[in-house]
Amino acid sequence: MAKKFLIINADDFGLCHSANEAVMDLFLSGSIFSSTIMTPCPGALEAIEFSKAHPEFAIGVHLTHTNEWQDNFPWGPMTDLPSLKTPEGRMWPESEDFEAHCEYDEAVKETIAQIEYCENLGMKPSHIDSHMGALYGMNGKILMLPKTLAVCGKKGYPFRMFSKPLTEQCPPEAPVWLFTVASVLSGMFGKMNNVPMPDYLIFPENIETGETYEEFKYNFIEYLIKIPDGICETYVHPAMPTDEMKSITGTWQRRYWEYLVMKDPETHAAFKTHGIKLISYRDLAEMRKNKKQK
């Protein structure tokens, strides 16, 4: 029986058609099992319609409170609340900007609005996560995470946040003690609100892109086959290498390679060889439920 379980979530579904095309192909080819939709973005409706047409896929909401592409690809909050937007009407570019300006009640209203936008269109989200980690409360708004987990608990959705410390995954700019405390608190508030979460969050930013796709694939596989026992999650941002994607971000090639690496049979063969079972967020929720009943 497998001891290592891995969720590879396709983030930024709904960003644009180039992202949607890649994510939809990965689902239909059986290459991924989980994804989350950015509801304030132009491609959201296409992604939501796909989710409704394929309820067998674990597709959730990528809670979006930031807009890192201010000039190339701007968007604003769905609620249009003042503390959530720049003077130009866009979302704040970075998580620290968002936390420095937002009011708790307005951030929570935006969270609920994004989830209910999907629900009201007939989609049943499988889980919730946070774009750029803006709701983790790591930049001053320490109550942001428990407030977000309270919303997830009330609505019955799992949430992406690590519940056990894995010090080698600590971001270089964060003190290890803060990273450890954050994991303990997230686990505590997750249990309080009955919100299923992974054990560990594996940050793919640590995977070197390399000069070629083959080098990236090697780095990707070597990094992820070393995950610990338990339920881990990491994420990718798959997209097609279109003019649209190239106009949005300079990381378009990495995003295309992430699409390719998830479609690559060698990737899945390596996971199988090393006893890693790919699962979805619906699987995680069921596993947590069964464990609680024992």
C-alpha atoms as a PDB file:
ATOM      1  CA  MET A   1       0.000   0.000   0.000  1.00  0.00           C
ATOM      2  CA  ALA A   2       1.306   3.428  -0.927  1.00  0.00           C
ATOM      3  CA  LYS A   3       2.667   5.585   1.876  1.00  0.00           C
ATOM      4  CA  LYS A   4       3.451   8.602  -0.279  1.00  0.00           C
ATOM      5  CA  PHE A   5       0.554  10.495  -1.795  1.00  0.00           C
ATOM      6  CA  LEU A   6       0.975  13.553  -3.985  1.00  0.00           C
ATOM      7  CA  ILE A   7      -1.490  16.137  -5.209  1.00  0.00           C
ATOM      8  CA  ILE A   8      -0.199  18.145  -8.171  1.00  0.00           C
ATOM      9  CA  ASN A   9      -2.653  21.004  -8.505  1.00  0.00           C
ATOM     10  CA  ALA A  10      -2.872  22.980 -11.748  1.00  0.00           C
ATOM     11  CA  ASP A  11      -3.057  26.567 -10.524  1.00  0.00           C
ATOM     12  CA  ASP A  12      -4.286  29.544 -12.557  1.00  0.00           C
ATOM     13  CA  PHE A  13      -7.069  27.732 -14.404  1.00  0.00           C
ATOM     14  CA  GLY A  14      -9.266  30.525 -15.749  1.00  0.00           C
ATOM     15  CA  LEU A  15      -6.412  33.004 -16.112  1.00  0.00           C
ATOM     16  CA  CYS A  16      -6.766  33.039 -19.911  1.00  0.00           C
ATOM     17  CA  HIS A  17      -7.533  30.683 -22.796  1.00  0.00           C
ATOM     18  CA  SER A  18      -3.879  29.625 -23.121  1.00  0.00           C
ATOM     19  CA  ALA A  19      -3.910  28.367 -19.525  1.00  0.00           C
ATOM     20  CA  ASN A  20      -7.352  26.827 -19.928  1.00  0.00           C
ATOM     21  CA  GLU A  21      -6.356  24.905 -23.047  1.00  0.00           C
ATOM     22  CA  ALA A  22      -3.405  23.325 -21.245  1.00  0.00           C
ATOM     23  CA  VAL A  23      -5.327  22.441 -18.083  1.00  0.00           C
ATOM     24  CA  MET A  24      -8.294  20.991 -19.949  1.00  0.00           C
ATOM     25  CA  ASP A  25      -6.021  18.814 -22.082  1.00  0.00           C
ATOM     26  CA  LEU A  26      -4.203  17.538 -18.993  1.00  0.00           C
ATOM     27  CA  PHE A  27      -7.486  16.570 -17.358  1.00  0.00           C
ATOM     28  CA  LEU A  28      -8.868  14.882 -20.459  1.00  0.00           C
ATOM     29  CA  SER A  29      -5.644  12.928 -20.994  1.00  0.00           C
ATOM     30  CA  GLY A  30      -5.611  11.705 -17.377  1.00  0.00           C
ATOM     31  CA  SER A  31      -2.410  13.601 -16.609  1.00  0.00           C
ATOM     32  CA  ILE A  32      -3.669  15.723 -13.687  1.00  0.00           C
ATOM     33  CA  PHE A  33      -6.370  15.240 -11.078  1.00  0.00           C
ATOM     34  CA  SER A  34      -6.807  18.653  -9.418  1.00  0.00           C
ATOM     35  CA  SER A  35      -6.969  22.296 -10.466  1.00  0.00           C
ATOM     36  CA  THR A  36      -8.271  25.643  -9.206  1.00  0.00           C
ATOM     37  CA  ILE A  37      -9.955  28.556 -11.000  1.00  0.00           C
ATOM     38  CA  MET A  38      -9.091  32.282 -10.763  1.00  0.00           C
ATOM     39  CA  THR A  39     -12.607  33.748 -10.799  1.00  0.00           C
ATOM     40  CA  PRO A  40     -11.718  37.461 -11.358  1.00  0.00           C
ATOM     41  CA  CYS A  41      -9.825  36.647 -14.565  1.00  0.00           C
ATOM     42  CA  PRO A  42     -11.027  36.706 -18.193  1.00  0.00           C
ATOM     43  CA  GLY A  43     -10.891  32.939 -18.712  1.00  0.00           C
ATOM     44  CA  ALA A  44     -12.903  32.034 -15.608  1.00  0.00           C
ATOM     45  CA  LEU A  45     -16.225  31.327 -17.321  1.00  0.00           C
ATOM     46  CA  GLU A  46     -14.614  28.908 -19.776  1.00  0.00           C
ATOM     47  CA  ALA A  47     -12.982  27.061 -16.871  1.00  0.00           C
ATOM     48  CA  ILE A  48     -16.209  26.979 -14.853  1.00  0.00           C
ATOM     49  CA  GLU A  49     -18.163  25.588 -17.807  1.00  0.00           C
ATOM     50  CA  PHE A  50     -15.537  22.873 -18.231  1.00  0.00           C
ATOM     51  CA  SER A  51     -15.827  21.993 -14.546  1.00  0.00           C
ATOM     52  CA  LYS A  52     -19.602  21.761 -14.789  1.00  0.00           C
ATOM     53  CA  ALA A  53     -19.321  19.528 -17.854  1.00  0.00           C
ATOM     54  CA  HIS A  54     -16.830  17.272 -16.034  1.00  0.00           C
ATOM     55  CA  PRO A  55     -17.927  16.899 -12.400  1.00  0.00           C
ATOM     56  CA  GLU A  56     -15.645  13.859 -12.148  1.00  0.00           C
ATOM     57  CA  PHE A  57     -12.624  16.187 -12.028  1.00  0.00           C
ATOM     58  CA  ALA A  58     -11.530  17.832  -8.764  1.00  0.00           C
ATOM     59  CA  ILE A  59     -11.680  21.516  -9.653  1.00  0.00           C
ATOM     60  CA  GLY A  60     -11.824  24.200  -6.997  1.00  0.00           C
ATOM     61  CA  VAL A  61     -11.377  27.931  -6.475  1.00  0.00           C
ATOM     62  CA  HIS A  62      -7.973  29.641  -6.642  1.00  0.00           C
ATOM     63  CA  LEU A  63      -8.843  32.538  -4.324  1.00  0.00           C
ATOM     64  CA  THR A  64      -7.314  35.544  -6.033  1.00  0.00           C
ATOM     65  CA  HIS A  65      -6.570  38.642  -3.967  1.00  0.00           C
ATOM     66  CA  THR A  66      -3.507  39.829  -5.907  1.00  0.00           C
ATOM     67  CA  ASN A  67      -2.642  40.726  -9.506  1.00  0.00           C
ATOM     68  CA  GLU A  68       1.063  40.387 -10.203  1.00  0.00           C
ATOM     69  CA  TRP A  69       0.722  41.452 -13.862  1.00  0.00           C
ATOM     70  CA  GLN A  70      -0.429  45.021 -13.220  1.00  0.00           C
ATOM     71  CA  ASP A  71       0.406  46.422 -16.636  1.00  0.00           C
ATOM     72  CA  ASN A  72       0.209  43.419 -18.960  1.00  0.00           C
ATOM     73  CA  PHE A  73      -2.926  41.734 -17.627  1.00  0.00           C
ATOM     74  CA  PRO A  74      -4.840  43.721 -14.981  1.00  0.00           C
ATOM     75  CA  TRP A  75      -7.947  42.682 -13.057  1.00  0.00           C
ATOM     76  CA  GLY A  76      -9.804  43.976 -10.012  1.00  0.00           C
ATOM     77  CA  PRO A  77     -11.695  42.443  -7.087  1.00  0.00           C
ATOM     78  CA  MET A  78     -15.119  40.963  -7.727  1.00  0.00           C
ATOM     79  CA  THR A  79     -16.555  42.910  -4.796  1.00  0.00           C
ATOM     80  CA  ASP A  80     -14.950  46.243  -5.786  1.00  0.00           C
ATOM     81  CA  LEU A  81     -14.260  46.938  -2.095  1.00  0.00           C
ATOM     82  CA  PRO A  82     -11.849  49.838  -1.554  1.00  0.00           C
ATOM     83  CA  SER A  83      -9.118  48.238   0.573  1.00  0.00           C
ATOM     84  CA  LEU A  84      -8.656  45.423  -1.962  1.00  0.00           C
ATOM     85  CA  LYS A  85      -7.658  47.565  -4.921  1.00  0.00           C
ATOM     86  CA  THR A  86      -5.058  50.055  -6.038  1.00  0.00           C
ATOM     87  CA  PRO A  87      -6.031  53.626  -7.016  1.00  0.00           C
ATOM     88  CA  GLU A  88      -6.224  52.300 -10.604  1.00  0.00           C
ATOM     89  CA  GLY A  89      -8.856  49.730  -9.554  1.00  0.00           C
ATOM     90  CA  ARG A  90      -6.589  46.702  -9.810  1.00  0.00           C
ATOM     91  CA  MET A  91      -5.825  44.164  -7.139  1.00  0.00           C
ATOM     92  CA  TRP A  92      -2.593  44.763  -5.247  1.00  0.00           C
ATOM     93  CA  PRO A  93       0.434  43.259  -7.057  1.00  0.00           C
ATOM     94  CA  GLU A  94       2.033  41.277  -4.207  1.00  0.00           C
ATOM     95  CA  SER A  95       0.819  39.485  -1.088  1.00  0.00           C
ATOM     96  CA  GLU A  96       2.598  41.947   1.188  1.00  0.00           C
ATOM     97  CA  ASP A  97       0.855  44.853  -0.594  1.00  0.00           C
ATOM     98  CA  PHE A  98      -2.503  43.147  -0.169  1.00  0.00           C
ATOM     99  CA  GLU A  99      -1.937  42.488   3.542  1.00  0.00           C
ATOM    100  CA  ALA A 100      -0.667  46.017   4.137  1.00  0.00           C
ATOM    101  CA  HIS A 101      -3.819  47.603   2.711  1.00  0.00           C
ATOM    102  CA  CYS A 102      -6.720  45.184   3.101  1.00  0.00           C
ATOM    103  CA  GLU A 103      -9.374  45.187   5.787  1.00  0.00           C
ATOM    104  CA  TYR A 104     -10.169  41.759   7.197  1.00  0.00           C
ATOM    105  CA  ASP A 105     -13.913  41.989   6.609  1.00  0.00           C
ATOM    106  CA  GLU A 106     -13.441  43.114   3.007  1.00  0.00           C
ATOM    107  CA  ALA A 107     -10.934  40.329   2.288  1.00  0.00           C
ATOM    108  CA  VAL A 108     -13.376  37.744   3.679  1.00  0.00           C
ATOM    109  CA  LYS A 109     -16.227  39.182   1.596  1.00  0.00           C
ATOM    110  CA  GLU A 110     -14.066  38.845  -1.516  1.00  0.00           C
ATOM    111  CA  THR A 111     -13.241  35.243  -0.581  1.00  0.00           C
ATOM    112  CA  ILE A 112     -16.922  34.395  -0.210  1.00  0.00           C
ATOM    113  CA  ALA A 113     -17.839  36.254  -3.410  1.00  0.00           C
ATOM    114  CA  GLN A 114     -15.331  34.261  -5.465  1.00  0.00           C
ATOM    115  CA  ILE A 115     -16.494  30.918  -4.075  1.00  0.00           C
ATOM    116  CA  GLU A 116     -20.179  31.779  -4.461  1.00  0.00           C
ATOM    117  CA  TYR A 117     -19.640  33.046  -8.002  1.00  0.00           C
ATOM    118  CA  CYS A 118     -18.717  29.472  -8.936  1.00  0.00           C
ATOM    119  CA  GLU A 119     -21.476  27.948  -6.829  1.00  0.00           C
ATOM    120  CA  ASN A 120     -24.157  30.249  -8.250  1.00  0.00           C
ATOM    121  CA  LEU A 121     -23.166  29.263 -11.788  1.00  0.00           C
ATOM    122  CA  GLY A 122     -23.791  25.618 -10.903  1.00  0.00           C
ATOM    123  CA  MET A 123     -20.246  24.499 -10.146  1.00  0.00           C
ATOM    124  CA  LYS A 124     -19.465  22.455  -7.044  1.00  0.00           C
ATOM    125  CA  PRO A 125     -15.864  23.320  -6.058  1.00  0.00           C
ATOM    126  CA  SER A 126     -13.788  20.422  -4.769  1.00  0.00           C
ATOM    127  CA  HIS A 127     -11.365  22.535  -2.736  1.00  0.00           C
ATOM    128  CA  ILE A 128      -9.992  26.010  -2.117  1.00  0.00           C
ATOM    129  CA  ASP A 129      -6.507  27.510  -2.293  1.00  0.00           C
ATOM    130  CA  SER A 130      -4.879  30.931  -2.287  1.00  0.00           C
ATOM    131  CA  HIS A 131      -3.153  32.595  -5.247  1.00  0.00           C
ATOM    132  CA  MET A 132       0.362  33.668  -4.240  1.00  0.00           C
ATOM    133  CA  GLY A 133      -0.386  32.575  -0.650  1.00  0.00           C
ATOM    134  CA  ALA A 134      -2.033  35.937   0.007  1.00  0.00           C
ATOM    135  CA  LEU A 135      -4.380  34.446   2.619  1.00  0.00           C
ATOM    136  CA  TYR A 136      -1.705  32.713   4.690  1.00  0.00           C
ATOM    137  CA  GLY A 137      -1.221  35.796   6.871  1.00  0.00           C
ATOM    138  CA  MET A 138       2.570  35.663   6.625  1.00  0.00           C
ATOM    139  CA  ASN A 139       2.987  39.409   6.071  1.00  0.00           C
ATOM    140  CA  GLY A 140       1.249  40.943   9.046  1.00  0.00           C
ATOM    141  CA  LYS A 141      -2.436  39.989   8.782  1.00  0.00           C
ATOM    142  CA  ILE A 142      -2.059  37.010  11.126  1.00  0.00           C
ATOM    143  CA  LEU A 143      -5.818  36.397  11.422  1.00  0.00           C
ATOM    144  CA  MET A 144      -6.238  35.994   7.665  1.00  0.00           C
ATOM    145  CA  LEU A 145      -5.617  32.242   7.683  1.00  0.00           C
ATOM    146  CA  PRO A 146      -8.034  31.344  10.520  1.00  0.00           C
ATOM    147  CA  LYS A 147     -10.705  33.558   8.947  1.00  0.00           C
ATOM    148  CA  THR A 148     -10.204  31.823   5.603  1.00  0.00           C
ATOM    149  CA  LEU A 149     -10.314  28.381   7.212  1.00  0.00           C
ATOM    150  CA  ALA A 150     -13.548  29.374   8.950  1.00  0.00           C
ATOM    151  CA  VAL A 151     -15.108  30.118   5.548  1.00  0.00           C
ATOM    152  CA  CYS A 152     -13.866  26.790   4.156  1.00  0.00           C
ATOM    153  CA  GLY A 153     -15.162  24.950   7.193  1.00  0.00           C
ATOM    154  CA  LYS A 154     -18.597  26.547   6.938  1.00  0.00           C
ATOM    155  CA  LYS A 155     -18.836  25.642   3.264  1.00  0.00           C
ATOM    156  CA  GLY A 156     -17.259  22.190   3.672  1.00  0.00           C
ATOM    157  CA  TYR A 157     -14.212  22.589   1.415  1.00  0.00           C
ATOM    158  CA  PRO A 158     -10.633  21.368   1.873  1.00  0.00           C
ATOM    159  CA  PHE A 159      -7.925  24.039   1.793  1.00  0.00           C
ATOM    160  CA  ARG A 160      -4.315  24.109   0.622  1.00  0.00           C
ATOM    161  CA  MET A 161      -2.050  24.751   3.576  1.00  0.00           C
ATOM    162  CA  PHE A 162       0.586  22.607   5.225  1.00  0.00           C
ATOM    163  CA  SER A 163      -0.368  21.180   8.608  1.00  0.00           C
ATOM    164  CA  LYS A 164       3.040  19.712   9.484  1.00  0.00           C
ATOM    165  CA  PRO A 165       6.409  21.494   9.406  1.00  0.00           C
ATOM    166  CA  LEU A 166       8.928  20.457   6.769  1.00  0.00           C
ATOM    167  CA  THR A 167      11.836  22.769   7.457  1.00  0.00           C
ATOM    168  CA  GLU A 168      13.603  22.158   4.144  1.00  0.00           C
ATOM    169  CA  GLN A 169      10.549  23.727   2.470  1.00  0.00           C
ATOM    170  CA  CYS A 170      10.851  26.928   4.481  1.00  0.00           C
ATOM    171  CA  PRO A 171      11.072  29.907   2.055  1.00  0.00           C
ATOM    172  CA  PRO A 172      14.495  31.598   2.279  1.00  0.00           C
ATOM    173  CA  GLU A 173      12.963  34.927   3.327  1.00  0.00           C
ATOM    174  CA  ALA A 174      10.991  33.388   6.227  1.00  0.00           C
ATOM    175  CA  PRO A 175      12.449  32.467   9.636  1.00  0.00           C
ATOM    176  CA  VAL A 176      12.224  28.736  10.310  1.00  0.00           C
ATOM    177  CA  TRP A 177      10.467  29.369  13.631  1.00  0.00           C
ATOM    178  CA  LEU A 178       7.728  31.372  11.873  1.00  0.00           C
ATOM    179  CA  PHE A 179       7.328  28.678   9.234  1.00  0.00           C
ATOM    180  CA  THR A 180       7.023  26.044  11.967  1.00  0.00           C
ATOM    181  CA  VAL A 181       4.537  28.082  13.986  1.00  0.00           C
ATOM    182  CA  ALA A 182       2.461  28.728  10.860  1.00  0.00           C
ATOM    183  CA  SER A 183       2.198  25.005  10.134  1.00  0.00           C
ATOM    184  CA  VAL A 184       1.186  24.209  13.709  1.00  0.00           C
ATOM    185  CA  LEU A 185      -1.438  26.964  13.746  1.00  0.00           C
ATOM    186  CA  SER A 186      -2.812  25.961  10.347  1.00  0.00           C
ATOM    187  CA  GLY A 187      -3.172  22.375  11.536  1.00  0.00           C
ATOM    188  CA  MET A 188      -4.895  23.544  14.718  1.00  0.00           C
ATOM    189  CA  PHE A 189      -7.343  25.877  12.957  1.00  0.00           C
ATOM    190  CA  GLY A 190      -7.920  23.271  10.264  1.00  0.00           C
ATOM    191  CA  LYS A 191      -9.022  20.753  12.887  1.00  0.00           C
ATOM    192  CA  MET A 192     -11.139  23.363  14.685  1.00  0.00           C
ATOM    193  CA  ASN A 193     -13.025  24.090  11.468  1.00  0.00           C
ATOM    194  CA  ASN A 194     -13.022  20.496  10.173  1.00  0.00           C
ATOM    195  CA  VAL A 195     -11.100  21.509   7.049  1.00  0.00           C
ATOM    196  CA  PRO A 196      -9.112  18.697   5.351  1.00  0.00           C
ATOM    197  CA  MET A 197      -5.574  19.769   4.390  1.00  0.00           C
ATOM    198  CA  PRO A 198      -2.410  18.086   3.123  1.00  0.00           C
ATOM    199  CA  ASP A 199       0.351  17.188   5.557  1.00  0.00           C
ATOM    200  CA  TYR A 200       3.032  19.045   3.628  1.00  0.00           C
ATOM    201  CA  LEU A 201       3.207  21.723   0.954  1.00  0.00           C
ATOM    202  CA  ILE A 202       6.067  21.264  -1.504  1.00  0.00           C
ATOM    203  CA  PHE A 203       7.070  24.577  -3.105  1.00  0.00           C
ATOM    204  CA  PRO A 204       7.920  24.055  -6.801  1.00  0.00           C
ATOM    205  CA  GLU A 205       9.733  27.394  -6.968  1.00  0.00           C
ATOM    206  CA  ASN A 206      12.728  25.461  -5.636  1.00  0.00           C
ATOM    207  CA  ILE A 207      12.832  23.375  -8.828  1.00  0.00           C
ATOM    208  CA  GLU A 208      15.412  24.819 -11.199  1.00  0.00           C
ATOM    209  CA  THR A 209      14.060  25.439 -14.696  1.00  0.00           C
ATOM    210  CA  GLY A 210      17.281  24.569 -16.499  1.00  0.00           C
ATOM    211  CA  GLU A 211      18.259  25.355 -20.060  1.00  0.00           C
ATOM    212  CA  THR A 212      16.183  22.681 -21.829  1.00  0.00           C
ATOM    213  CA  TYR A 213      12.932  20.845 -21.277  1.00  0.00           C
ATOM    214  CA  GLU A 214      14.789  17.585 -20.610  1.00  0.00           C
ATOM    215  CA  GLU A 215      16.845  19.276 -17.909  1.00  0.00           C
ATOM    216  CA  PHE A 216      13.712  20.736 -16.356  1.00  0.00           C
ATOM    217  CA  LYS A 217      11.988  17.349 -16.440  1.00  0.00           C
ATOM    218  CA  TYR A 218      14.954  15.734 -14.696  1.00  0.00           C
ATOM    219  CA  ASN A 219      14.954  18.446 -12.001  1.00  0.00           C
ATOM    220  CA  PHE A 220      11.175  18.174 -11.583  1.00  0.00           C
ATOM    221  CA  ILE A 221      11.198  14.413 -11.113  1.00  0.00           C
ATOM    222  CA  GLU A 222      14.283  14.335  -8.872  1.00  0.00           C
ATOM    223  CA  TYR A 223      12.781  16.979  -6.610  1.00  0.00           C
ATOM    224  CA  LEU A 224       9.384  15.349  -6.192  1.00  0.00           C
ATOM    225  CA  ILE A 225      10.444  11.727  -5.747  1.00  0.00           C
ATOM    226  CA  LYS A 226      12.045  12.802  -2.450  1.00  0.00           C
ATOM    227  CA  ILE A 227       8.747  13.755  -0.757  1.00  0.00           C
ATOM    228  CA  PRO A 228       8.144  12.297   2.729  1.00  0.00           C
ATOM    229  CA  ASP A 229       5.485   9.759   3.656  1.00  0.00           C
ATOM    230  CA  GLY A 230       2.022  11.226   4.008  1.00  0.00           C
ATOM    231  CA  ILE A 231      -0.080  13.495   1.820  1.00  0.00           C
ATOM    232  CA  CYS A 232       1.912  16.192   0.041  1.00  0.00           C
ATOM    233  CA  GLU A 233       0.791  18.860  -2.383  1.00  0.00           C
ATOM    234  CA  THR A 234       2.660  20.818  -4.984  1.00  0.00           C
ATOM    235  CA  TYR A 235       1.422  22.905  -7.877  1.00  0.00           C
ATOM    236  CA  VAL A 236       2.120  23.719 -11.504  1.00  0.00           C
ATOM    237  CA  HIS A 237       0.955  26.529 -13.801  1.00  0.00           C
ATOM    238  CA  PRO A 238       0.472  24.811 -17.172  1.00  0.00           C
ATOM    239  CA  ALA A 239      -0.121  26.941 -20.258  1.00  0.00           C
ATOM    240  CA  MET A 240       0.310  26.795 -24.002  1.00  0.00           C
ATOM    241  CA  PRO A 241       3.160  28.851 -25.554  1.00  0.00           C
ATOM    242  CA  THR A 242       0.881  31.285 -27.361  1.00  0.00           C
ATOM    243  CA  ASP A 243       1.295  34.978 -28.145  1.00  0.00           C
ATOM    244  CA  GLU A 244      -1.375  35.570 -25.503  1.00  0.00           C
ATOM    245  CA  MET A 245       0.688  33.835 -22.817  1.00  0.00           C
ATOM    246  CA  LYS A 246       3.906  35.498 -23.929  1.00  0.00           C
ATOM    247  CA  SER A 247       2.249  38.903 -23.590  1.00  0.00           C
ATOM    248  CA  ILE A 248       1.204  38.161 -20.005  1.00  0.00           C
ATOM    249  CA  THR A 249       4.370  36.824 -18.394  1.00  0.00           C
ATOM    250  CA  GLY A 250       8.038  36.235 -19.117  1.00  0.00           C
ATOM    251  CA  THR A 251       7.718  32.816 -17.432  1.00  0.00           C
ATOM    252  CA  TRP A 252       5.618  31.486 -20.311  1.00  0.00           C
ATOM    253  CA  GLN A 253       8.244  28.872 -21.259  1.00  0.00           C
ATOM    254  CA  ARG A 254       8.366  27.423 -17.731  1.00  0.00           C
ATOM    255  CA  ARG A 255       4.574  27.223 -17.793  1.00  0.00           C
ATOM    256  CA  TYR A 256       4.664  25.388 -21.119  1.00  0.00           C
ATOM    257  CA  TRP A 257       7.276  22.977 -19.788  1.00  0.00           C
ATOM    258  CA  GLU A 258       5.088  22.341 -16.745  1.00  0.00           C
ATOM    259  CA  TYR A 259       2.309  21.366 -19.147  1.00  0.00           C
ATOM    260  CA  LEU A 260       4.718  19.079 -21.002  1.00  0.00           C
ATOM    261  CA  VAL A 261       6.133  17.469 -17.852  1.00  0.00           C
ATOM    262  CA  MET A 262       2.664  16.571 -16.590  1.00  0.00           C
ATOM    263  CA  LYS A 263       1.806  15.060 -19.986  1.00  0.00           C
ATOM    264  CA  ASP A 264       5.101  13.147 -20.145  1.00  0.00           C
ATOM    265  CA  PRO A 265       4.800   9.361 -19.511  1.00  0.00           C
ATOM    266  CA  GLU A 266       8.292   9.353 -17.968  1.00  0.00           C
ATOM    267  CA  THR A 267       7.073  11.623 -15.174  1.00  0.00           C
ATOM    268  CA  HIS A 268       4.256   9.296 -14.212  1.00  0.00           C
ATOM    269  CA  ALA A 269       6.461   6.225 -14.567  1.00  0.00           C
ATOM    270  CA  ALA A 270       9.009   7.747 -12.168  1.00  0.00           C
ATOM    271  CA  PHE A 271       6.325   8.433  -9.560  1.00  0.00           C
ATOM    272  CA  LYS A 272       5.111   4.852  -9.831  1.00  0.00           C
ATOM    273  CA  THR A 273       8.644   3.472  -9.563  1.00  0.00           C
ATOM    274  CA  HIS A 274       9.235   5.428  -6.355  1.00  0.00           C
ATOM    275  CA  GLY A 275       5.945   4.430  -4.752  1.00  0.00           C
ATOM    276  CA  ILE A 276       4.236   7.803  -5.131  1.00  0.00           C
ATOM    277  CA  LYS A 277       0.510   7.749  -5.816  1.00  0.00           C
ATOM    278  CA  LEU A 278      -1.007  10.809  -7.467  1.00  0.00           C
ATOM    279  CA  ILE A 279      -4.348  11.737  -5.930  1.00  0.00           C
ATOM    280  CA  SER A 280      -6.899  14.538  -6.140  1.00  0.00           C
ATOM    281  CA  TYR A 281      -8.358  16.808  -3.495  1.00  0.00           C
ATOM    282  CA  ARG A 282     -11.494  14.685  -3.486  1.00  0.00           C
ATOM    283  CA  ASP A 283      -9.291  11.712  -2.613  1.00  0.00           C
ATOM    284  CA  LEU A 284      -7.704  13.748   0.193  1.00  0.00           C
ATOM    285  CA  ALA A 285     -11.122  14.636   1.639  1.00  0.00           C
ATOM    286  CA  GLU A 286     -12.178  10.985   1.551  1.00  0.00           C
ATOM    287  CA  MET A 287      -8.917   9.815   3.139  1.00  0.00           C
ATOM    288  CA  ARG A 288      -9.268  12.349   5.953  1.00  0.00           C
ATOM    289  CA  LYS A 289     -12.890  11.314   6.472  1.00  0.00           C
ATOM    290  CA  ASN A 290     -12.015   7.623   6.672  1.00  0.00           C
ATOM    291  CA  LYS A 291      -9.146   8.306   9.079  1.00  0.00           C
ATOM    292  CA  LYS A 292     -11.438  10.301  11.349  1.00  0.00           C
ATOM    293  CA  GLN A 293     -14.003   7.482  11.412  1.00  0.00           C
ATOM    294  CA  LYS A 294     -11.455   4.864  12.508  1.00  0.00           C
END
